[in-house]
Amino acid sequence: MILSRVKQVYTYLFCKYDEKNNLLVREILNSEEFEIFNKMSRYEKIHSFNLLKLILKNEILRNNKDYQKLALLHDCGKKNFSLFKRIKKVLVGDKELENHPNLSYKKLKNINLNVGILAKHHHDKYYDENMKIFQQLDDK
């Protein structure tokens, strides 16, 4: 767990999102979904694209279009939060950051209801077996 947190900080501070990734992203998302993805922060795009790559390698989820889209859009309810706010959330909690699944749902529900519902529940324990796999990959 600590190693994944160190990796997150490194990614937040030093990694750049490669716009070439959008070739694959556009194959998966429709234009309205892509518009939401494109407005996400640099860090969230990097995280989401890396999660998509894990989904595409997973035998159970790789052919599930909703989970491919979820990988890219699950955190669209997060604003461009500072590193300090993200660390605060991990250490003591942060109501605004913890509400991001609901905000993601609100952004997605009129564009893709299925993905919106999945985004709303992407941190819920015991949602279903596919979500459990998604959560394990999201935590890497």
N, C-alpha and C. Protein backbone atom coordinates (compact mmCIF):
# COMPACT_ATOMS: atom_id res chain seq x y z
N MET A 1 0.82 -1.19 0.00
CA MET A 1 0.00 0.00 0.00
C MET A 1 0.87 1.26 0.00
N ILE A 2 1.91 1.29 0.81
CA ILE A 2 2.76 2.48 0.88
C ILE A 2 3.48 2.72 -0.44
N LEU A 3 3.88 1.62 -1.08
CA LEU A 3 4.56 1.75 -2.38
C LEU A 3 3.62 2.37 -3.42
N SER A 4 2.35 1.97 -3.41
CA SER A 4 1.41 2.55 -4.36
C SER A 4 1.18 4.02 -4.08
N ARG A 5 1.20 4.43 -2.81
CA ARG A 5 1.06 5.86 -2.46
C ARG A 5 2.26 6.66 -2.93
N VAL A 6 3.45 6.11 -2.78
CA VAL A 6 4.67 6.79 -3.26
C VAL A 6 4.60 6.94 -4.78
N LYS A 7 4.15 5.90 -5.45
CA LYS A 7 3.99 5.95 -6.90
C LYS A 7 2.98 7.03 -7.30
N GLN A 8 1.89 7.17 -6.55
CA GLN A 8 0.90 8.20 -6.85
C GLN A 8 1.50 9.60 -6.72
N VAL A 9 2.28 9.82 -5.66
CA VAL A 9 2.91 11.14 -5.47
C VAL A 9 3.88 11.42 -6.61
N TYR A 10 4.68 10.43 -6.97
CA TYR A 10 5.63 10.59 -8.08
C TYR A 10 4.88 10.95 -9.37
N THR A 11 3.81 10.21 -9.65
CA THR A 11 3.01 10.47 -10.85
C THR A 11 2.44 11.88 -10.82
N TYR A 12 1.90 12.27 -9.67
CA TYR A 12 1.30 13.60 -9.53
C TYR A 12 2.32 14.69 -9.81
N LEU A 13 3.53 14.52 -9.31
CA LEU A 13 4.54 15.57 -9.41
C LEU A 13 5.30 15.59 -10.74
N PHE A 14 5.57 14.41 -11.30
CA PHE A 14 6.54 14.37 -12.39
C PHE A 14 6.04 13.84 -13.74
N CYS A 15 4.98 13.09 -13.76
CA CYS A 15 4.57 12.45 -15.01
C CYS A 15 3.72 13.38 -15.87
N LYS A 16 3.84 13.18 -17.16
CA LYS A 16 3.05 13.95 -18.12
C LYS A 16 2.09 12.99 -18.83
N TYR A 17 0.93 13.52 -19.18
CA TYR A 17 -0.01 12.72 -19.95
C TYR A 17 0.38 12.82 -21.43
N ASP A 18 0.55 11.68 -22.06
CA ASP A 18 0.91 11.63 -23.48
C ASP A 18 -0.36 11.73 -24.32
N GLU A 19 -0.49 12.80 -25.07
CA GLU A 19 -1.68 13.02 -25.88
C GLU A 19 -1.88 11.92 -26.93
N LYS A 20 -0.84 11.17 -27.24
CA LYS A 20 -0.98 10.04 -28.16
C LYS A 20 -1.93 8.98 -27.60
N ASN A 21 -2.05 8.96 -26.28
CA ASN A 21 -2.98 8.02 -25.65
C ASN A 21 -4.42 8.25 -26.10
N ASN A 22 -4.70 9.48 -26.53
CA ASN A 22 -6.07 9.81 -26.93
C ASN A 22 -6.53 9.03 -28.16
N LEU A 23 -5.61 8.48 -28.93
CA LEU A 23 -6.01 7.63 -30.06
C LEU A 23 -6.81 6.43 -29.56
N LEU A 24 -6.32 5.79 -28.51
CA LEU A 24 -7.04 4.65 -27.93
C LEU A 24 -8.27 5.13 -27.15
N VAL A 25 -8.11 6.21 -26.42
CA VAL A 25 -9.23 6.73 -25.62
C VAL A 25 -10.43 7.05 -26.51
N ARG A 26 -10.17 7.65 -27.66
CA ARG A 26 -11.26 8.01 -28.60
C ARG A 26 -11.92 6.77 -29.21
N GLU A 27 -11.20 5.65 -29.27
CA GLU A 27 -11.81 4.40 -29.75
C GLU A 27 -12.82 3.86 -28.75
N ILE A 28 -12.63 4.19 -27.49
CA ILE A 28 -13.47 3.63 -26.42
C ILE A 28 -14.62 4.57 -26.05
N LEU A 29 -14.32 5.87 -25.99
CA LEU A 29 -15.32 6.85 -25.55
C LEU A 29 -16.01 7.52 -26.73
N ASN A 30 -17.29 7.83 -26.57
CA ASN A 30 -17.96 8.64 -27.59
C ASN A 30 -17.54 10.11 -27.38
N SER A 31 -17.98 11.00 -28.23
CA SER A 31 -17.49 12.38 -28.18
C SER A 31 -17.87 13.08 -26.88
N GLU A 32 -19.06 12.84 -26.35
CA GLU A 32 -19.46 13.47 -25.08
C GLU A 32 -18.64 12.93 -23.91
N GLU A 33 -18.40 11.64 -23.91
CA GLU A 33 -17.57 11.03 -22.87
C GLU A 33 -16.14 11.54 -22.96
N PHE A 34 -15.63 11.65 -24.19
CA PHE A 34 -14.27 12.15 -24.37
C PHE A 34 -14.14 13.59 -23.88
N GLU A 35 -15.16 14.38 -24.09
CA GLU A 35 -15.13 15.77 -23.61
C GLU A 35 -14.97 15.80 -22.09
N ILE A 36 -15.65 14.92 -21.39
CA ILE A 36 -15.50 14.83 -19.93
C ILE A 36 -14.09 14.38 -19.58
N PHE A 37 -13.60 13.34 -20.25
CA PHE A 37 -12.25 12.84 -20.00
C PHE A 37 -11.23 13.95 -20.24
N ASN A 38 -11.39 14.67 -21.32
CA ASN A 38 -10.42 15.69 -21.70
C ASN A 38 -10.34 16.83 -20.69
N LYS A 39 -11.40 17.05 -19.92
CA LYS A 39 -11.43 18.11 -18.91
C LYS A 39 -10.84 17.66 -17.57
N MET A 40 -10.54 16.39 -17.45
CA MET A 40 -9.97 15.88 -16.20
C MET A 40 -8.54 16.40 -16.03
N SER A 41 -8.07 16.40 -14.80
CA SER A 41 -6.71 16.87 -14.52
C SER A 41 -5.68 15.95 -15.16
N ARG A 42 -4.50 16.44 -15.32
CA ARG A 42 -3.40 15.66 -15.89
C ARG A 42 -3.21 14.37 -15.10
N TYR A 43 -3.18 14.48 -13.77
CA TYR A 43 -2.98 13.29 -12.94
C TYR A 43 -4.10 12.26 -13.15
N GLU A 44 -5.35 12.73 -13.18
CA GLU A 44 -6.47 11.80 -13.34
C GLU A 44 -6.45 11.13 -14.71
N LYS A 45 -6.03 11.86 -15.73
CA LYS A 45 -5.91 11.24 -17.06
C LYS A 45 -4.85 10.14 -17.05
N ILE A 46 -3.71 10.43 -16.44
CA ILE A 46 -2.63 9.43 -16.37
C ILE A 46 -3.13 8.20 -15.60
N HIS A 47 -3.69 8.43 -14.43
CA HIS A 47 -4.20 7.32 -13.61
C HIS A 47 -5.25 6.52 -14.38
N SER A 48 -6.18 7.20 -15.00
CA SER A 48 -7.28 6.53 -15.70
C SER A 48 -6.79 5.74 -16.90
N PHE A 49 -5.85 6.31 -17.65
CA PHE A 49 -5.30 5.58 -18.81
C PHE A 49 -4.53 4.35 -18.35
N ASN A 50 -3.76 4.48 -17.27
CA ASN A 50 -3.03 3.32 -16.75
C ASN A 50 -3.99 2.24 -16.27
N LEU A 51 -5.10 2.65 -15.68
CA LEU A 51 -6.12 1.69 -15.26
C LEU A 51 -6.75 1.01 -16.48
N LEU A 52 -7.00 1.77 -17.53
CA LEU A 52 -7.52 1.17 -18.76
C LEU A 52 -6.59 0.07 -19.27
N LYS A 53 -5.29 0.32 -19.25
CA LYS A 53 -4.34 -0.70 -19.72
C LYS A 53 -4.44 -1.97 -18.88
N LEU A 54 -4.64 -1.82 -17.58
CA LEU A 54 -4.82 -3.00 -16.72
C LEU A 54 -6.13 -3.72 -17.03
N ILE A 55 -7.18 -2.96 -17.27
CA ILE A 55 -8.48 -3.55 -17.62
C ILE A 55 -8.35 -4.35 -18.92
N LEU A 56 -7.64 -3.80 -19.90
CA LEU A 56 -7.50 -4.47 -21.19
C LEU A 56 -6.67 -5.75 -21.10
N LYS A 57 -5.88 -5.89 -20.04
CA LYS A 57 -5.10 -7.11 -19.83
C LYS A 57 -5.84 -8.14 -18.98
N ASN A 58 -6.91 -7.72 -18.33
CA ASN A 58 -7.64 -8.59 -17.42
C ASN A 58 -8.60 -9.49 -18.21
N GLU A 59 -8.51 -10.79 -17.99
CA GLU A 59 -9.31 -11.75 -18.75
C GLU A 59 -10.81 -11.56 -18.58
N ILE A 60 -11.24 -11.11 -17.42
CA ILE A 60 -12.68 -10.98 -17.15
C ILE A 60 -13.23 -9.66 -17.65
N LEU A 61 -12.50 -8.56 -17.48
CA LEU A 61 -13.03 -7.24 -17.80
C LEU A 61 -12.65 -6.70 -19.18
N ARG A 62 -11.66 -7.28 -19.82
CA ARG A 62 -11.12 -6.67 -21.04
C ARG A 62 -12.13 -6.48 -22.17
N ASN A 63 -13.13 -7.32 -22.26
CA ASN A 63 -14.13 -7.19 -23.33
C ASN A 63 -15.40 -6.47 -22.88
N ASN A 64 -15.39 -5.96 -21.66
CA ASN A 64 -16.56 -5.27 -21.12
C ASN A 64 -16.41 -3.76 -21.39
N LYS A 65 -17.15 -3.27 -22.37
CA LYS A 65 -17.06 -1.85 -22.78
C LYS A 65 -17.37 -0.89 -21.63
N ASP A 66 -18.34 -1.25 -20.80
CA ASP A 66 -18.68 -0.37 -19.68
C ASP A 66 -17.50 -0.23 -18.71
N TYR A 67 -16.78 -1.30 -18.47
CA TYR A 67 -15.63 -1.22 -17.56
C TYR A 67 -14.44 -0.54 -18.23
N GLN A 68 -14.31 -0.64 -19.53
CA GLN A 68 -13.29 0.14 -20.23
C GLN A 68 -13.57 1.63 -20.06
N LYS A 69 -14.83 2.00 -20.26
CA LYS A 69 -15.23 3.41 -20.11
C LYS A 69 -15.09 3.84 -18.64
N LEU A 70 -15.47 2.96 -17.73
CA LEU A 70 -15.35 3.27 -16.32
C LEU A 70 -13.90 3.55 -15.94
N ALA A 71 -12.99 2.77 -16.47
CA ALA A 71 -11.57 3.00 -16.17
C ALA A 71 -11.18 4.44 -16.51
N LEU A 72 -11.67 4.93 -17.62
CA LEU A 72 -11.30 6.28 -18.08
C LEU A 72 -12.07 7.38 -17.36
N LEU A 73 -13.27 7.08 -16.87
CA LEU A 73 -14.15 8.15 -16.37
C LEU A 73 -14.49 8.06 -14.88
N HIS A 74 -14.05 7.03 -14.19
CA HIS A 74 -14.49 6.81 -12.81
C HIS A 74 -14.18 7.97 -11.87
N ASP A 75 -13.12 8.71 -12.13
CA ASP A 75 -12.73 9.83 -11.26
C ASP A 75 -13.04 11.19 -11.86
N CYS A 76 -13.94 11.24 -12.83
CA CYS A 76 -14.24 12.53 -13.48
C CYS A 76 -14.90 13.52 -12.53
N GLY A 77 -15.38 13.05 -11.39
CA GLY A 77 -15.96 13.94 -10.39
C GLY A 77 -14.94 14.63 -9.52
N LYS A 78 -13.69 14.24 -9.64
CA LYS A 78 -12.63 14.91 -8.89
C LYS A 78 -12.27 16.20 -9.61
N LYS A 79 -12.08 17.22 -8.82
CA LYS A 79 -11.60 18.48 -9.39
C LYS A 79 -10.09 18.38 -9.48
N ASN A 80 -9.45 19.44 -9.88
CA ASN A 80 -7.99 19.46 -9.95
C ASN A 80 -7.43 19.72 -8.55
N PHE A 81 -7.62 18.73 -7.68
CA PHE A 81 -7.24 18.89 -6.28
C PHE A 81 -5.72 18.90 -6.12
N SER A 82 -5.27 19.67 -5.14
CA SER A 82 -3.84 19.77 -4.86
C SER A 82 -3.33 18.47 -4.25
N LEU A 83 -2.02 18.32 -4.29
CA LEU A 83 -1.38 17.17 -3.67
C LEU A 83 -1.66 17.18 -2.16
N PHE A 84 -1.62 18.35 -1.54
CA PHE A 84 -1.89 18.45 -0.11
C PHE A 84 -3.29 17.91 0.23
N LYS A 85 -4.29 18.30 -0.55
CA LYS A 85 -5.66 17.84 -0.30
C LYS A 85 -5.76 16.32 -0.46
N ARG A 86 -5.05 15.78 -1.43
CA ARG A 86 -5.07 14.33 -1.65
C ARG A 86 -4.41 13.58 -0.49
N ILE A 87 -3.32 14.13 0.02
CA ILE A 87 -2.64 13.52 1.17
C ILE A 87 -3.54 13.61 2.40
N LYS A 88 -4.18 14.76 2.59
CA LYS A 88 -5.11 14.94 3.70
C LYS A 88 -6.21 13.88 3.66
N LYS A 89 -6.74 13.61 2.45
CA LYS A 89 -7.80 12.61 2.31
C LYS A 89 -7.34 11.24 2.78
N VAL A 90 -6.11 10.87 2.43
CA VAL A 90 -5.57 9.57 2.81
C VAL A 90 -5.36 9.51 4.33
N LEU A 91 -4.87 10.60 4.92
CA LEU A 91 -4.51 10.59 6.33
C LEU A 91 -5.72 10.75 7.27
N VAL A 92 -6.58 11.73 6.98
CA VAL A 92 -7.68 12.02 7.90
C VAL A 92 -9.04 12.09 7.24
N GLY A 93 -9.08 12.00 5.92
CA GLY A 93 -10.34 12.09 5.20
C GLY A 93 -10.58 13.49 4.66
N ASP A 94 -11.43 13.57 3.66
CA ASP A 94 -11.79 14.85 3.06
C ASP A 94 -13.15 14.66 2.39
N LYS A 95 -14.16 15.32 2.94
CA LYS A 95 -15.54 15.13 2.45
C LYS A 95 -15.67 15.43 0.96
N GLU A 96 -15.03 16.49 0.49
CA GLU A 96 -15.16 16.87 -0.92
C GLU A 96 -14.58 15.79 -1.84
N LEU A 97 -13.41 15.31 -1.52
CA LEU A 97 -12.80 14.25 -2.34
C LEU A 97 -13.58 12.94 -2.20
N GLU A 98 -14.07 12.66 -1.02
CA GLU A 98 -14.81 11.41 -0.80
C GLU A 98 -16.15 11.40 -1.52
N ASN A 99 -16.62 12.57 -1.93
CA ASN A 99 -17.89 12.68 -2.65
C ASN A 99 -17.72 12.54 -4.17
N HIS A 100 -16.51 12.32 -4.63
CA HIS A 100 -16.29 12.31 -6.09
C HIS A 100 -17.09 11.23 -6.83
N PRO A 101 -17.40 10.06 -6.24
CA PRO A 101 -18.23 9.11 -7.00
C PRO A 101 -19.61 9.67 -7.34
N ASN A 102 -20.20 10.41 -6.42
CA ASN A 102 -21.51 11.02 -6.68
C ASN A 102 -21.40 12.10 -7.76
N LEU A 103 -20.33 12.87 -7.71
CA LEU A 103 -20.12 13.91 -8.73
C LEU A 103 -19.86 13.28 -10.10
N SER A 104 -19.14 12.17 -10.12
CA SER A 104 -18.91 11.45 -11.38
C SER A 104 -20.24 10.97 -11.95
N TYR A 105 -21.08 10.41 -11.09
CA TYR A 105 -22.40 9.95 -11.52
C TYR A 105 -23.20 11.10 -12.14
N LYS A 106 -23.21 12.24 -11.49
CA LYS A 106 -23.96 13.39 -11.99
C LYS A 106 -23.47 13.83 -13.36
N LYS A 107 -22.17 13.77 -13.59
CA LYS A 107 -21.61 14.14 -14.89
C LYS A 107 -21.97 13.14 -15.97
N LEU A 108 -22.09 11.88 -15.59
CA LEU A 108 -22.23 10.80 -16.59
C LEU A 108 -23.66 10.32 -16.82
N LYS A 109 -24.54 10.52 -15.88
CA LYS A 109 -25.86 9.85 -15.92
C LYS A 109 -26.66 10.16 -17.18
N ASN A 110 -26.55 11.35 -17.72
CA ASN A 110 -27.32 11.69 -18.92
C ASN A 110 -26.59 11.35 -20.21
N ILE A 111 -25.35 10.93 -20.09
CA ILE A 111 -24.55 10.56 -21.26
C ILE A 111 -24.47 9.04 -21.39
N ASN A 112 -24.22 8.37 -20.25
CA ASN A 112 -24.12 6.92 -20.24
C ASN A 112 -24.53 6.45 -18.83
N LEU A 113 -25.78 6.13 -18.67
CA LEU A 113 -26.32 5.79 -17.35
C LEU A 113 -25.59 4.60 -16.73
N ASN A 114 -25.33 3.55 -17.51
CA ASN A 114 -24.65 2.37 -16.96
C ASN A 114 -23.29 2.73 -16.37
N VAL A 115 -22.51 3.49 -17.10
CA VAL A 115 -21.18 3.88 -16.62
C VAL A 115 -21.32 4.85 -15.44
N GLY A 116 -22.32 5.71 -15.49
CA GLY A 116 -22.58 6.61 -14.37
C GLY A 116 -22.86 5.86 -13.08
N ILE A 117 -23.68 4.83 -13.18
CA ILE A 117 -24.00 4.01 -12.00
C ILE A 117 -22.75 3.30 -11.49
N LEU A 118 -21.97 2.75 -12.41
CA LEU A 118 -20.72 2.09 -11.99
C LEU A 118 -19.78 3.09 -11.33
N ALA A 119 -19.68 4.29 -11.87
CA ALA A 119 -18.80 5.32 -11.30
C ALA A 119 -19.27 5.68 -9.89
N LYS A 120 -20.57 5.75 -9.71
CA LYS A 120 -21.13 6.09 -8.39
C LYS A 120 -20.74 5.04 -7.35
N HIS A 121 -20.58 3.81 -7.79
CA HIS A 121 -20.33 2.70 -6.86
C HIS A 121 -18.90 2.16 -6.92
N HIS A 122 -17.99 2.88 -7.57
CA HIS A 122 -16.66 2.30 -7.77
C HIS A 122 -15.81 2.17 -6.50
N HIS A 123 -16.27 2.72 -5.39
CA HIS A 123 -15.59 2.51 -4.10
C HIS A 123 -16.41 1.66 -3.14
N ASP A 124 -17.62 1.28 -3.54
CA ASP A 124 -18.48 0.49 -2.66
C ASP A 124 -17.97 -0.94 -2.56
N LYS A 125 -17.85 -1.41 -1.34
CA LYS A 125 -17.49 -2.81 -1.12
C LYS A 125 -18.71 -3.68 -1.43
N TYR A 126 -18.47 -4.85 -1.93
CA TYR A 126 -19.52 -5.84 -2.16
C TYR A 126 -20.53 -5.43 -3.23
N TYR A 127 -20.14 -4.58 -4.18
CA TYR A 127 -21.08 -4.20 -5.24
C TYR A 127 -21.35 -5.39 -6.15
N ASP A 128 -20.32 -5.93 -6.75
CA ASP A 128 -20.40 -7.19 -7.49
C ASP A 128 -18.99 -7.66 -7.80
N GLU A 129 -18.87 -8.84 -8.38
CA GLU A 129 -17.54 -9.43 -8.61
C GLU A 129 -16.71 -8.63 -9.62
N ASN A 130 -17.35 -8.11 -10.67
CA ASN A 130 -16.61 -7.30 -11.64
C ASN A 130 -16.06 -6.04 -10.98
N MET A 131 -16.85 -5.42 -10.12
CA MET A 131 -16.39 -4.21 -9.45
C MET A 131 -15.25 -4.52 -8.48
N LYS A 132 -15.31 -5.67 -7.87
CA LYS A 132 -14.23 -6.08 -6.96
C LYS A 132 -12.91 -6.18 -7.74
N ILE A 133 -12.96 -6.74 -8.93
CA ILE A 133 -11.77 -6.83 -9.78
C ILE A 133 -11.32 -5.42 -10.16
N PHE A 134 -12.27 -4.58 -10.57
CA PHE A 134 -11.97 -3.20 -10.94
C PHE A 134 -11.27 -2.48 -9.79
N GLN A 135 -11.79 -2.64 -8.58
CA GLN A 135 -11.21 -1.98 -7.40
C GLN A 135 -9.79 -2.43 -7.14
N GLN A 136 -9.54 -3.73 -7.32
CA GLN A 136 -8.19 -4.25 -7.12
C GLN A 136 -7.23 -3.64 -8.13
N LEU A 137 -7.67 -3.51 -9.37
CA LEU A 137 -6.82 -2.90 -10.40
C LEU A 137 -6.66 -1.40 -10.16
N ASP A 138 -7.69 -0.75 -9.70
CA ASP A 138 -7.64 0.69 -9.41
C ASP A 138 -6.67 0.99 -8.28
N ASP A 139 -6.51 0.07 -7.37
CA ASP A 139 -5.63 0.27 -6.21
C ASP A 139 -4.16 0.02 -6.53
N LYS A 140 -3.85 -0.47 -7.71
CA LYS A 140 -2.44 -0.77 -8.04
C LYS A 140 -1.67 0.50 -8.30
